[in-house]
Amino acid sequence: PMLSDEWQSNAAKVMRNPEILIHDRA
């Protein structure tokens, strides 16, 4: 909820090999 709407695309742009995962606490 604290991240911007574009956080995934912004992060992927600067990553070498974009692999994005979410840690589900529940």
mmCIF file of all heavy atoms, coordinates in Angstrom:
data_MODEL
# 
_entry.id   MODEL 
# 
loop_
_atom_site.group_PDB 
_atom_site.id 
_atom_site.type_symbol 
_atom_site.label_atom_id 
_atom_site.label_alt_id 
_atom_site.label_comp_id 
_atom_site.label_asym_id 
_atom_site.label_entity_id 
_atom_site.label_seq_id 
_atom_site.pdbx_PDB_ins_code 
_atom_site.Cartn_x 
_atom_site.Cartn_y 
_atom_site.Cartn_z 
_atom_site.occupancy 
_atom_site.B_iso_or_equiv 
_atom_site.pdbx_formal_charge 
_atom_site.auth_seq_id 
_atom_site.auth_comp_id 
_atom_site.auth_asym_id 
_atom_site.auth_atom_id 
_atom_site.pdbx_PDB_model_num 
ATOM 1   N N   . PRO A 1 1  ? 0.803  -1.229  0.000   1.00 0.00 ? 1  PRO A N   1 
ATOM 2   C CA  . PRO A 1 1  ? 0.000  0.000   0.000   1.00 0.00 ? 1  PRO A CA  1 
ATOM 3   C C   . PRO A 1 1  ? 0.840  1.286   0.000   1.00 0.00 ? 1  PRO A C   1 
ATOM 4   O O   . PRO A 1 1  ? 0.352  2.337   -0.384  1.00 0.00 ? 1  PRO A O   1 
ATOM 5   C CB  . PRO A 1 1  ? -0.814 -0.096  1.297   1.00 0.00 ? 1  PRO A CB  1 
ATOM 6   C CG  . PRO A 1 1  ? -0.813 -1.524  1.662   1.00 0.00 ? 1  PRO A CG  1 
ATOM 7   C CD  . PRO A 1 1  ? 0.482  -2.087  1.146   1.00 0.00 ? 1  PRO A CD  1 
ATOM 8   N N   . MET A 1 2  ? 2.094  1.182   0.396   1.00 0.00 ? 2  MET A N   1 
ATOM 9   C CA  . MET A 1 2  ? 2.956  2.369   0.472   1.00 0.00 ? 2  MET A CA  1 
ATOM 10  C C   . MET A 1 2  ? 3.715  2.626   -0.822  1.00 0.00 ? 2  MET A C   1 
ATOM 11  O O   . MET A 1 2  ? 4.360  3.650   -0.969  1.00 0.00 ? 2  MET A O   1 
ATOM 12  C CB  . MET A 1 2  ? 3.945  2.211   1.631   1.00 0.00 ? 2  MET A CB  1 
ATOM 13  C CG  . MET A 1 2  ? 3.267  2.161   2.978   1.00 0.00 ? 2  MET A CG  1 
ATOM 14  S SD  . MET A 1 2  ? 4.422  1.826   4.301   1.00 0.00 ? 2  MET A SD  1 
ATOM 15  C CE  . MET A 1 2  ? 4.290  0.042   4.394   1.00 0.00 ? 2  MET A CE  1 
ATOM 16  N N   . LEU A 1 3  ? 3.642  1.701   -1.764  1.00 0.00 ? 3  LEU A N   1 
ATOM 17  C CA  . LEU A 1 3  ? 4.368  1.852   -3.020  1.00 0.00 ? 3  LEU A CA  1 
ATOM 18  C C   . LEU A 1 3  ? 3.507  2.562   -4.055  1.00 0.00 ? 3  LEU A C   1 
ATOM 19  O O   . LEU A 1 3  ? 2.283  2.482   -4.032  1.00 0.00 ? 3  LEU A O   1 
ATOM 20  C CB  . LEU A 1 3  ? 4.784  0.478   -3.548  1.00 0.00 ? 3  LEU A CB  1 
ATOM 21  C CG  . LEU A 1 3  ? 5.791  -0.274  -2.687  1.00 0.00 ? 3  LEU A CG  1 
ATOM 22  C CD1 . LEU A 1 3  ? 5.967  -1.695  -3.200  1.00 0.00 ? 3  LEU A CD1 1 
ATOM 23  C CD2 . LEU A 1 3  ? 7.125  0.444   -2.672  1.00 0.00 ? 3  LEU A CD2 1 
ATOM 24  N N   . SER A 1 4  ? 4.172  3.214   -4.993  1.00 0.00 ? 4  SER A N   1 
ATOM 25  C CA  . SER A 1 4  ? 3.456  3.907   -6.063  1.00 0.00 ? 4  SER A CA  1 
ATOM 26  C C   . SER A 1 4  ? 2.813  2.886   -6.997  1.00 0.00 ? 4  SER A C   1 
ATOM 27  O O   . SER A 1 4  ? 3.164  1.703   -6.990  1.00 0.00 ? 4  SER A O   1 
ATOM 28  C CB  . SER A 1 4  ? 4.421  4.792   -6.853  1.00 0.00 ? 4  SER A CB  1 
ATOM 29  O OG  . SER A 1 4  ? 5.278  3.997   -7.643  1.00 0.00 ? 4  SER A OG  1 
ATOM 30  N N   . ASP A 1 5  ? 1.901  3.347   -7.823  1.00 0.00 ? 5  ASP A N   1 
ATOM 31  C CA  . ASP A 1 5  ? 1.234  2.468   -8.783  1.00 0.00 ? 5  ASP A CA  1 
ATOM 32  C C   . ASP A 1 5  ? 2.208  1.885   -9.800  1.00 0.00 ? 5  ASP A C   1 
ATOM 33  O O   . ASP A 1 5  ? 1.977  0.806   -10.337 1.00 0.00 ? 5  ASP A O   1 
ATOM 34  C CB  . ASP A 1 5  ? 0.130  3.227   -9.525  1.00 0.00 ? 5  ASP A CB  1 
ATOM 35  C CG  . ASP A 1 5  ? -1.030 3.604   -8.623  1.00 0.00 ? 5  ASP A CG  1 
ATOM 36  O OD1 . ASP A 1 5  ? -1.198 2.961   -7.569  1.00 0.00 ? 5  ASP A OD1 1 
ATOM 37  O OD2 . ASP A 1 5  ? -1.754 4.542   -8.975  1.00 0.00 ? 5  ASP A OD2 1 
ATOM 38  N N   . GLU A 1 6  ? 3.303  2.568   -10.055 1.00 0.00 ? 6  GLU A N   1 
ATOM 39  C CA  . GLU A 1 6  ? 4.269  2.141   -11.078 1.00 0.00 ? 6  GLU A CA  1 
ATOM 40  C C   . GLU A 1 6  ? 5.467  1.410   -10.500 1.00 0.00 ? 6  GLU A C   1 
ATOM 41  O O   . GLU A 1 6  ? 6.469  1.227   -11.181 1.00 0.00 ? 6  GLU A O   1 
ATOM 42  C CB  . GLU A 1 6  ? 4.782  3.362   -11.864 1.00 0.00 ? 6  GLU A CB  1 
ATOM 43  C CG  . GLU A 1 6  ? 3.724  4.228   -12.484 1.00 0.00 ? 6  GLU A CG  1 
ATOM 44  C CD  . GLU A 1 6  ? 3.187  5.272   -11.509 1.00 0.00 ? 6  GLU A CD  1 
ATOM 45  O OE1 . GLU A 1 6  ? 3.923  5.684   -10.600 1.00 0.00 ? 6  GLU A OE1 1 
ATOM 46  O OE2 . GLU A 1 6  ? 2.017  5.637   -11.631 1.00 0.00 ? 6  GLU A OE2 1 
ATOM 47  N N   . TRP A 1 7  ? 5.422  0.991   -9.252  1.00 0.00 ? 7  TRP A N   1 
ATOM 48  C CA  . TRP A 1 7  ? 6.613  0.427   -8.613  1.00 0.00 ? 7  TRP A CA  1 
ATOM 49  C C   . TRP A 1 7  ? 7.169  -0.770  -9.369  1.00 0.00 ? 7  TRP A C   1 
ATOM 50  O O   . TRP A 1 7  ? 8.391  -0.896  -9.504  1.00 0.00 ? 7  TRP A O   1 
ATOM 51  C CB  . TRP A 1 7  ? 6.353  0.083   -7.149  1.00 0.00 ? 7  TRP A CB  1 
ATOM 52  C CG  . TRP A 1 7  ? 5.492  -1.125  -6.916  1.00 0.00 ? 7  TRP A CG  1 
ATOM 53  C CD1 . TRP A 1 7  ? 4.141  -1.155  -6.765  1.00 0.00 ? 7  TRP A CD1 1 
ATOM 54  C CD2 . TRP A 1 7  ? 5.933  -2.477  -6.807  1.00 0.00 ? 7  TRP A CD2 1 
ATOM 55  N NE1 . TRP A 1 7  ? 3.703  -2.442  -6.576  1.00 0.00 ? 7  TRP A NE1 1 
ATOM 56  C CE2 . TRP A 1 7  ? 4.791  -3.278  -6.592  1.00 0.00 ? 7  TRP A CE2 1 
ATOM 57  C CE3 . TRP A 1 7  ? 7.173  -3.108  -6.872  1.00 0.00 ? 7  TRP A CE3 1 
ATOM 58  C CZ2 . TRP A 1 7  ? 4.856  -4.657  -6.443  1.00 0.00 ? 7  TRP A CZ2 1 
ATOM 59  C CZ3 . TRP A 1 7  ? 7.230  -4.482  -6.722  1.00 0.00 ? 7  TRP A CZ3 1 
ATOM 60  C CH2 . TRP A 1 7  ? 6.083  -5.233  -6.499  1.00 0.00 ? 7  TRP A CH2 1 
ATOM 61  N N   . GLN A 1 8  ? 6.317  -1.631  -9.884  1.00 0.00 ? 8  GLN A N   1 
ATOM 62  C CA  . GLN A 1 8  ? 6.817  -2.823  -10.587 1.00 0.00 ? 8  GLN A CA  1 
ATOM 63  C C   . GLN A 1 8  ? 7.559  -2.468  -11.871 1.00 0.00 ? 8  GLN A C   1 
ATOM 64  O O   . GLN A 1 8  ? 8.650  -2.981  -12.118 1.00 0.00 ? 8  GLN A O   1 
ATOM 65  C CB  . GLN A 1 8  ? 5.666  -3.772  -10.925 1.00 0.00 ? 8  GLN A CB  1 
ATOM 66  C CG  . GLN A 1 8  ? 5.115  -4.487  -9.725  1.00 0.00 ? 8  GLN A CG  1 
ATOM 67  C CD  . GLN A 1 8  ? 4.019  -5.446  -10.123 1.00 0.00 ? 8  GLN A CD  1 
ATOM 68  O OE1 . GLN A 1 8  ? 4.251  -6.358  -10.912 1.00 0.00 ? 8  GLN A OE1 1 
ATOM 69  N NE2 . GLN A 1 8  ? 2.834  -5.240  -9.594  1.00 0.00 ? 8  GLN A NE2 1 
ATOM 70  N N   . SER A 1 9  ? 6.979  -1.608  -12.667 1.00 0.00 ? 9  SER A N   1 
ATOM 71  C CA  . SER A 1 9  ? 7.640  -1.252  -13.931 1.00 0.00 ? 9  SER A CA  1 
ATOM 72  C C   . SER A 1 9  ? 8.903  -0.444  -13.671 1.00 0.00 ? 9  SER A C   1 
ATOM 73  O O   . SER A 1 9  ? 9.906  -0.631  -14.363 1.00 0.00 ? 9  SER A O   1 
ATOM 74  C CB  . SER A 1 9  ? 6.689  -0.506  -14.856 1.00 0.00 ? 9  SER A CB  1 
ATOM 75  O OG  . SER A 1 9  ? 6.248  0.697   -14.271 1.00 0.00 ? 9  SER A OG  1 
ATOM 76  N N   . ASN A 1 10 ? 8.881  0.439   -12.678 1.00 0.00 ? 10 ASN A N   1 
ATOM 77  C CA  . ASN A 1 10 ? 10.079 1.216   -12.346 1.00 0.00 ? 10 ASN A CA  1 
ATOM 78  C C   . ASN A 1 10 ? 11.207 0.314   -11.863 1.00 0.00 ? 10 ASN A C   1 
ATOM 79  O O   . ASN A 1 10 ? 12.363 0.480   -12.258 1.00 0.00 ? 10 ASN A O   1 
ATOM 80  C CB  . ASN A 1 10 ? 9.761  2.276   -11.285 1.00 0.00 ? 10 ASN A CB  1 
ATOM 81  C CG  . ASN A 1 10 ? 8.911  3.388   -11.821 1.00 0.00 ? 10 ASN A CG  1 
ATOM 82  O OD1 . ASN A 1 10 ? 8.831  3.616   -13.029 1.00 0.00 ? 10 ASN A OD1 1 
ATOM 83  N ND2 . ASN A 1 10 ? 8.245  4.095   -10.931 1.00 0.00 ? 10 ASN A ND2 1 
ATOM 84  N N   . ALA A 1 11 ? 10.887 -0.643  -11.009 1.00 0.00 ? 11 ALA A N   1 
ATOM 85  C CA  . ALA A 1 11 ? 11.909 -1.564  -10.516 1.00 0.00 ? 11 ALA A CA  1 
ATOM 86  C C   . ALA A 1 11 ? 12.452 -2.418  -11.653 1.00 0.00 ? 11 ALA A C   1 
ATOM 87  O O   . ALA A 1 11 ? 13.669 -2.594  -11.781 1.00 0.00 ? 11 ALA A O   1 
ATOM 88  C CB  . ALA A 1 11 ? 11.335 -2.443  -9.418  1.00 0.00 ? 11 ALA A CB  1 
ATOM 89  N N   . ALA A 1 12 ? 11.567 -2.937  -12.492 1.00 0.00 ? 12 ALA A N   1 
ATOM 90  C CA  . ALA A 1 12 ? 11.990 -3.804  -13.593 1.00 0.00 ? 12 ALA A CA  1 
ATOM 91  C C   . ALA A 1 12 ? 12.920 -3.089  -14.562 1.00 0.00 ? 12 ALA A C   1 
ATOM 92  O O   . ALA A 1 12 ? 13.830 -3.706  -15.123 1.00 0.00 ? 12 ALA A O   1 
ATOM 93  C CB  . ALA A 1 12 ? 10.768 -4.344  -14.328 1.00 0.00 ? 12 ALA A CB  1 
ATOM 94  N N   . LYS A 1 13 ? 12.724 -1.784  -14.754 1.00 0.00 ? 13 LYS A N   1 
ATOM 95  C CA  . LYS A 1 13 ? 13.560 -1.013  -15.683 1.00 0.00 ? 13 LYS A CA  1 
ATOM 96  C C   . LYS A 1 13 ? 15.021 -1.000  -15.261 1.00 0.00 ? 13 LYS A C   1 
ATOM 97  O O   . LYS A 1 13 ? 15.908 -0.932  -16.109 1.00 0.00 ? 13 LYS A O   1 
ATOM 98  C CB  . LYS A 1 13 ? 13.056 0.429   -15.782 1.00 0.00 ? 13 LYS A CB  1 
ATOM 99  C CG  . LYS A 1 13 ? 11.790 0.584   -16.561 1.00 0.00 ? 13 LYS A CG  1 
ATOM 100 C CD  . LYS A 1 13 ? 11.355 2.031   -16.551 1.00 0.00 ? 13 LYS A CD  1 
ATOM 101 C CE  . LYS A 1 13 ? 9.950  2.183   -17.088 1.00 0.00 ? 13 LYS A CE  1 
ATOM 102 N NZ  . LYS A 1 13 ? 9.465  3.557   -16.944 1.00 0.00 ? 13 LYS A NZ  1 
ATOM 103 N N   . VAL A 1 14 ? 15.300 -1.022  -13.959 1.00 0.00 ? 14 VAL A N   1 
ATOM 104 C CA  . VAL A 1 14 ? 16.686 -0.905  -13.492 1.00 0.00 ? 14 VAL A CA  1 
ATOM 105 C C   . VAL A 1 14 ? 17.289 -2.251  -13.092 1.00 0.00 ? 14 VAL A C   1 
ATOM 106 O O   . VAL A 1 14 ? 18.476 -2.341  -12.818 1.00 0.00 ? 14 VAL A O   1 
ATOM 107 C CB  . VAL A 1 14 ? 16.811 0.099   -12.324 1.00 0.00 ? 14 VAL A CB  1 
ATOM 108 C CG1 . VAL A 1 14 ? 16.409 1.499   -12.770 1.00 0.00 ? 14 VAL A CG1 1 
ATOM 109 C CG2 . VAL A 1 14 ? 16.007 -0.336  -11.121 1.00 0.00 ? 14 VAL A CG2 1 
ATOM 110 N N   . MET A 1 15 ? 16.470 -3.303  -13.081 1.00 0.00 ? 15 MET A N   1 
ATOM 111 C CA  . MET A 1 15 ? 16.967 -4.623  -12.701 1.00 0.00 ? 15 MET A CA  1 
ATOM 112 C C   . MET A 1 15 ? 17.677 -5.294  -13.872 1.00 0.00 ? 15 MET A C   1 
ATOM 113 O O   . MET A 1 15 ? 17.345 -5.065  -15.026 1.00 0.00 ? 15 MET A O   1 
ATOM 114 C CB  . MET A 1 15 ? 15.817 -5.504  -12.212 1.00 0.00 ? 15 MET A CB  1 
ATOM 115 C CG  . MET A 1 15 ? 15.193 -5.028  -10.918 1.00 0.00 ? 15 MET A CG  1 
ATOM 116 S SD  . MET A 1 15 ? 13.747 -5.992  -10.412 1.00 0.00 ? 15 MET A SD  1 
ATOM 117 C CE  . MET A 1 15 ? 14.544 -7.516  -9.879  1.00 0.00 ? 15 MET A CE  1 
ATOM 118 N N   . ARG A 1 16 ? 18.636 -6.131  -13.541 1.00 0.00 ? 16 ARG A N   1 
ATOM 119 C CA  . ARG A 1 16 ? 19.381 -6.858  -14.575 1.00 0.00 ? 16 ARG A CA  1 
ATOM 120 C C   . ARG A 1 16 ? 18.491 -7.927  -15.208 1.00 0.00 ? 16 ARG A C   1 
ATOM 121 O O   . ARG A 1 16 ? 18.388 -8.014  -16.422 1.00 0.00 ? 16 ARG A O   1 
ATOM 122 C CB  . ARG A 1 16 ? 20.638 -7.480  -13.960 1.00 0.00 ? 16 ARG A CB  1 
ATOM 123 C CG  . ARG A 1 16 ? 21.515 -8.165  -14.943 1.00 0.00 ? 16 ARG A CG  1 
ATOM 124 C CD  . ARG A 1 16 ? 22.834 -8.627  -14.368 1.00 0.00 ? 16 ARG A CD  1 
ATOM 125 N NE  . ARG A 1 16 ? 22.677 -9.175  -13.030 1.00 0.00 ? 16 ARG A NE  1 
ATOM 126 C CZ  . ARG A 1 16 ? 23.626 -9.154  -12.099 1.00 0.00 ? 16 ARG A CZ  1 
ATOM 127 N NH1 . ARG A 1 16 ? 24.789 -8.611  -12.374 1.00 0.00 ? 16 ARG A NH1 1 
ATOM 128 N NH2 . ARG A 1 16 ? 23.425 -9.674  -10.918 1.00 0.00 ? 16 ARG A NH2 1 
ATOM 129 N N   . ASN A 1 17 ? 17.901 -8.761  -14.399 1.00 0.00 ? 17 ASN A N   1 
ATOM 130 C CA  . ASN A 1 17 ? 16.984 -9.812  -14.843 1.00 0.00 ? 17 ASN A CA  1 
ATOM 131 C C   . ASN A 1 17 ? 15.752 -9.733  -13.947 1.00 0.00 ? 17 ASN A C   1 
ATOM 132 O O   . ASN A 1 17 ? 15.706 -10.382 -12.908 1.00 0.00 ? 17 ASN A O   1 
ATOM 133 C CB  . ASN A 1 17 ? 17.617 -11.201 -14.709 1.00 0.00 ? 17 ASN A CB  1 
ATOM 134 C CG  . ASN A 1 17 ? 18.835 -11.354 -15.575 1.00 0.00 ? 17 ASN A CG  1 
ATOM 135 O OD1 . ASN A 1 17 ? 18.784 -11.095 -16.756 1.00 0.00 ? 17 ASN A OD1 1 
ATOM 136 N ND2 . ASN A 1 17 ? 19.940 -11.760 -14.976 1.00 0.00 ? 17 ASN A ND2 1 
ATOM 137 N N   . PRO A 1 18 ? 14.771 -8.932  -14.319 1.00 0.00 ? 18 PRO A N   1 
ATOM 138 C CA  . PRO A 1 18 ? 13.654 -8.670  -13.406 1.00 0.00 ? 18 PRO A CA  1 
ATOM 139 C C   . PRO A 1 18 ? 12.834 -9.909  -13.037 1.00 0.00 ? 18 PRO A C   1 
ATOM 140 O O   . PRO A 1 18 ? 12.142 -10.472 -13.865 1.00 0.00 ? 18 PRO A O   1 
ATOM 141 C CB  . PRO A 1 18 ? 12.789 -7.662  -14.149 1.00 0.00 ? 18 PRO A CB  1 
ATOM 142 C CG  . PRO A 1 18 ? 13.434 -7.361  -15.426 1.00 0.00 ? 18 PRO A CG  1 
ATOM 143 C CD  . PRO A 1 18 ? 14.647 -8.212  -15.575 1.00 0.00 ? 18 PRO A CD  1 
ATOM 144 N N   . GLU A 1 19 ? 13.002 -10.328 -11.810 1.00 0.00 ? 19 GLU A N   1 
ATOM 145 C CA  . GLU A 1 19 ? 12.185 -11.388 -11.213 1.00 0.00 ? 19 GLU A CA  1 
ATOM 146 C C   . GLU A 1 19 ? 11.615 -10.784 -9.936  1.00 0.00 ? 19 GLU A C   1 
ATOM 147 O O   . GLU A 1 19 ? 12.340 -10.568 -8.962  1.00 0.00 ? 19 GLU A O   1 
ATOM 148 C CB  . GLU A 1 19 ? 13.039 -12.611 -10.895 1.00 0.00 ? 19 GLU A CB  1 
ATOM 149 C CG  . GLU A 1 19 ? 12.287 -13.747 -10.249 1.00 0.00 ? 19 GLU A CG  1 
ATOM 150 C CD  . GLU A 1 19 ? 11.348 -14.455 -11.213 1.00 0.00 ? 19 GLU A CD  1 
ATOM 151 O OE1 . GLU A 1 19 ? 11.617 -14.457 -12.431 1.00 0.00 ? 19 GLU A OE1 1 
ATOM 152 O OE2 . GLU A 1 19 ? 10.346 -15.013 -10.743 1.00 0.00 ? 19 GLU A OE2 1 
ATOM 153 N N   . ILE A 1 20 ? 10.336 -10.466 -9.960  1.00 0.00 ? 20 ILE A N   1 
ATOM 154 C CA  . ILE A 1 20 ? 9.693  -9.790  -8.829  1.00 0.00 ? 20 ILE A CA  1 
ATOM 155 C C   . ILE A 1 20 ? 8.746  -10.761 -8.143  1.00 0.00 ? 20 ILE A C   1 
ATOM 156 O O   . ILE A 1 20 ? 7.915  -11.390 -8.796  1.00 0.00 ? 20 ILE A O   1 
ATOM 157 C CB  . ILE A 1 20 ? 8.951  -8.525  -9.296  1.00 0.00 ? 20 ILE A CB  1 
ATOM 158 C CG1 . ILE A 1 20 ? 9.944  -7.549  -9.947  1.00 0.00 ? 20 ILE A CG1 1 
ATOM 159 C CG2 . ILE A 1 20 ? 8.220  -7.867  -8.137  1.00 0.00 ? 20 ILE A CG2 1 
ATOM 160 C CD1 . ILE A 1 20 ? 9.322  -6.323  -10.575 1.00 0.00 ? 20 ILE A CD1 1 
ATOM 161 N N   . LEU A 1 21 ? 8.898  -10.873 -6.823  1.00 0.00 ? 21 LEU A N   1 
ATOM 162 C CA  . LEU A 1 21 ? 8.077  -11.769 -6.023  1.00 0.00 ? 21 LEU A CA  1 
ATOM 163 C C   . LEU A 1 21 ? 7.500  -11.004 -4.837  1.00 0.00 ? 21 LEU A C   1 
ATOM 164 O O   . LEU A 1 21 ? 8.120  -10.082 -4.323  1.00 0.00 ? 21 LEU A O   1 
ATOM 165 C CB  . LEU A 1 21 ? 8.909  -12.942 -5.511  1.00 0.00 ? 21 LEU A CB  1 
ATOM 166 C CG  . LEU A 1 21 ? 9.593  -13.787 -6.582  1.00 0.00 ? 21 LEU A CG  1 
ATOM 167 C CD1 . LEU A 1 21 ? 10.599 -14.726 -5.951  1.00 0.00 ? 21 LEU A CD1 1 
ATOM 168 C CD2 . LEU A 1 21 ? 8.571  -14.563 -7.381  1.00 0.00 ? 21 LEU A CD2 1 
ATOM 169 N N   . ILE A 1 22 ? 6.320  -11.411 -4.412  1.00 0.00 ? 22 ILE A N   1 
ATOM 170 C CA  . ILE A 1 22 ? 5.661  -10.816 -3.251  1.00 0.00 ? 22 ILE A CA  1 
ATOM 171 C C   . ILE A 1 22 ? 5.671  -11.845 -2.124  1.00 0.00 ? 22 ILE A C   1 
ATOM 172 O O   . ILE A 1 22 ? 5.306  -13.007 -2.346  1.00 0.00 ? 22 ILE A O   1 
ATOM 173 C CB  . ILE A 1 22 ? 4.190  -10.442 -3.575  1.00 0.00 ? 22 ILE A CB  1 
ATOM 174 C CG1 . ILE A 1 22 ? 4.096  -9.562  -4.808  1.00 0.00 ? 22 ILE A CG1 1 
ATOM 175 C CG2 . ILE A 1 22 ? 3.512  -9.808  -2.363  1.00 0.00 ? 22 ILE A CG2 1 
ATOM 176 C CD1 . ILE A 1 22 ? 4.711  -8.206  -4.669  1.00 0.00 ? 22 ILE A CD1 1 
ATOM 177 N N   . HIS A 1 23 ? 6.088  -11.417 -0.936  1.00 0.00 ? 23 HIS A N   1 
ATOM 178 C CA  . HIS A 1 23 ? 6.026  -12.302 0.225   1.00 0.00 ? 23 HIS A CA  1 
ATOM 179 C C   . HIS A 1 23 ? 4.649  -12.160 0.855   1.00 0.00 ? 23 HIS A C   1 
ATOM 180 O O   . HIS A 1 23 ? 4.279  -11.100 1.342   1.00 0.00 ? 23 HIS A O   1 
ATOM 181 C CB  . HIS A 1 23 ? 7.101  -11.950 1.252   1.00 0.00 ? 23 HIS A CB  1 
ATOM 182 C CG  . HIS A 1 23 ? 6.986  -12.773 2.492   1.00 0.00 ? 23 HIS A CG  1 
ATOM 183 N ND1 . HIS A 1 23 ? 6.485  -12.272 3.662   1.00 0.00 ? 23 HIS A ND1 1 
ATOM 184 C CD2 . HIS A 1 23 ? 7.272  -14.064 2.717   1.00 0.00 ? 23 HIS A CD2 1 
ATOM 185 C CE1 . HIS A 1 23 ? 6.480  -13.226 4.572   1.00 0.00 ? 23 HIS A CE1 1 
ATOM 186 N NE2 . HIS A 1 23 ? 6.949  -14.324 4.026   1.00 0.00 ? 23 HIS A NE2 1 
ATOM 187 N N   . ASP A 1 24 ? 3.870  -13.223 0.825   1.00 0.00 ? 24 ASP A N   1 
ATOM 188 C CA  . ASP A 1 24 ? 2.531  -13.264 1.407   1.00 0.00 ? 24 ASP A CA  1 
ATOM 189 C C   . ASP A 1 24 ? 2.679  -13.655 2.872   1.00 0.00 ? 24 ASP A C   1 
ATOM 190 O O   . ASP A 1 24 ? 2.986  -14.805 3.190   1.00 0.00 ? 24 ASP A O   1 
ATOM 191 C CB  . ASP A 1 24 ? 1.686  -14.290 0.646   1.00 0.00 ? 24 ASP A CB  1 
ATOM 192 C CG  . ASP A 1 24 ? 0.237  -14.321 1.081   1.00 0.00 ? 24 ASP A CG  1 
ATOM 193 O OD1 . ASP A 1 24 ? -0.035 -14.134 2.289   1.00 0.00 ? 24 ASP A OD1 1 
ATOM 194 O OD2 . ASP A 1 24 ? -0.618 -14.543 0.218   1.00 0.00 ? 24 ASP A OD2 1 
ATOM 195 N N   . ARG A 1 25 ? 2.469  -12.682 3.767   1.00 0.00 ? 25 ARG A N   1 
ATOM 196 C CA  . ARG A 1 25 ? 2.658  -12.945 5.198   1.00 0.00 ? 25 ARG A CA  1 
ATOM 197 C C   . ARG A 1 25 ? 1.673  -13.974 5.735   1.00 0.00 ? 25 ARG A C   1 
ATOM 198 O O   . ARG A 1 25 ? 2.023  -14.782 6.591   1.00 0.00 ? 25 ARG A O   1 
ATOM 199 C CB  . ARG A 1 25 ? 2.492  -11.652 5.992   1.00 0.00 ? 25 ARG A CB  1 
ATOM 200 C CG  . ARG A 1 25 ? 3.655  -10.717 5.871   1.00 0.00 ? 25 ARG A CG  1 
ATOM 201 C CD  . ARG A 1 25 ? 3.446  -9.546  6.810   1.00 0.00 ? 25 ARG A CD  1 
ATOM 202 N NE  . ARG A 1 25 ? 4.575  -8.641  6.754   1.00 0.00 ? 25 ARG A NE  1 
ATOM 203 C CZ  . ARG A 1 25 ? 4.858  -7.797  7.729   1.00 0.00 ? 25 ARG A CZ  1 
ATOM 204 N NH1 . ARG A 1 25 ? 4.099  -7.720  8.800   1.00 0.00 ? 25 ARG A NH1 1 
ATOM 205 N NH2 . ARG A 1 25 ? 5.898  -7.004  7.624   1.00 0.00 ? 25 ARG A NH2 1 
ATOM 206 N N   . ALA A 1 26 ? 0.439  -13.938 5.266   1.00 0.00 ? 26 ALA A N   1 
ATOM 207 C CA  . ALA A 1 26 ? -0.592 -14.839 5.782   1.00 0.00 ? 26 ALA A CA  1 
ATOM 208 C C   . ALA A 1 26 ? -0.276 -16.299 5.451   1.00 0.00 ? 26 ALA A C   1 
ATOM 209 O O   . ALA A 1 26 ? -0.473 -17.181 6.284   1.00 0.00 ? 26 ALA A O   1 
ATOM 210 C CB  . ALA A 1 26 ? -1.953 -14.456 5.231   1.00 0.00 ? 26 ALA A CB  1 
# 
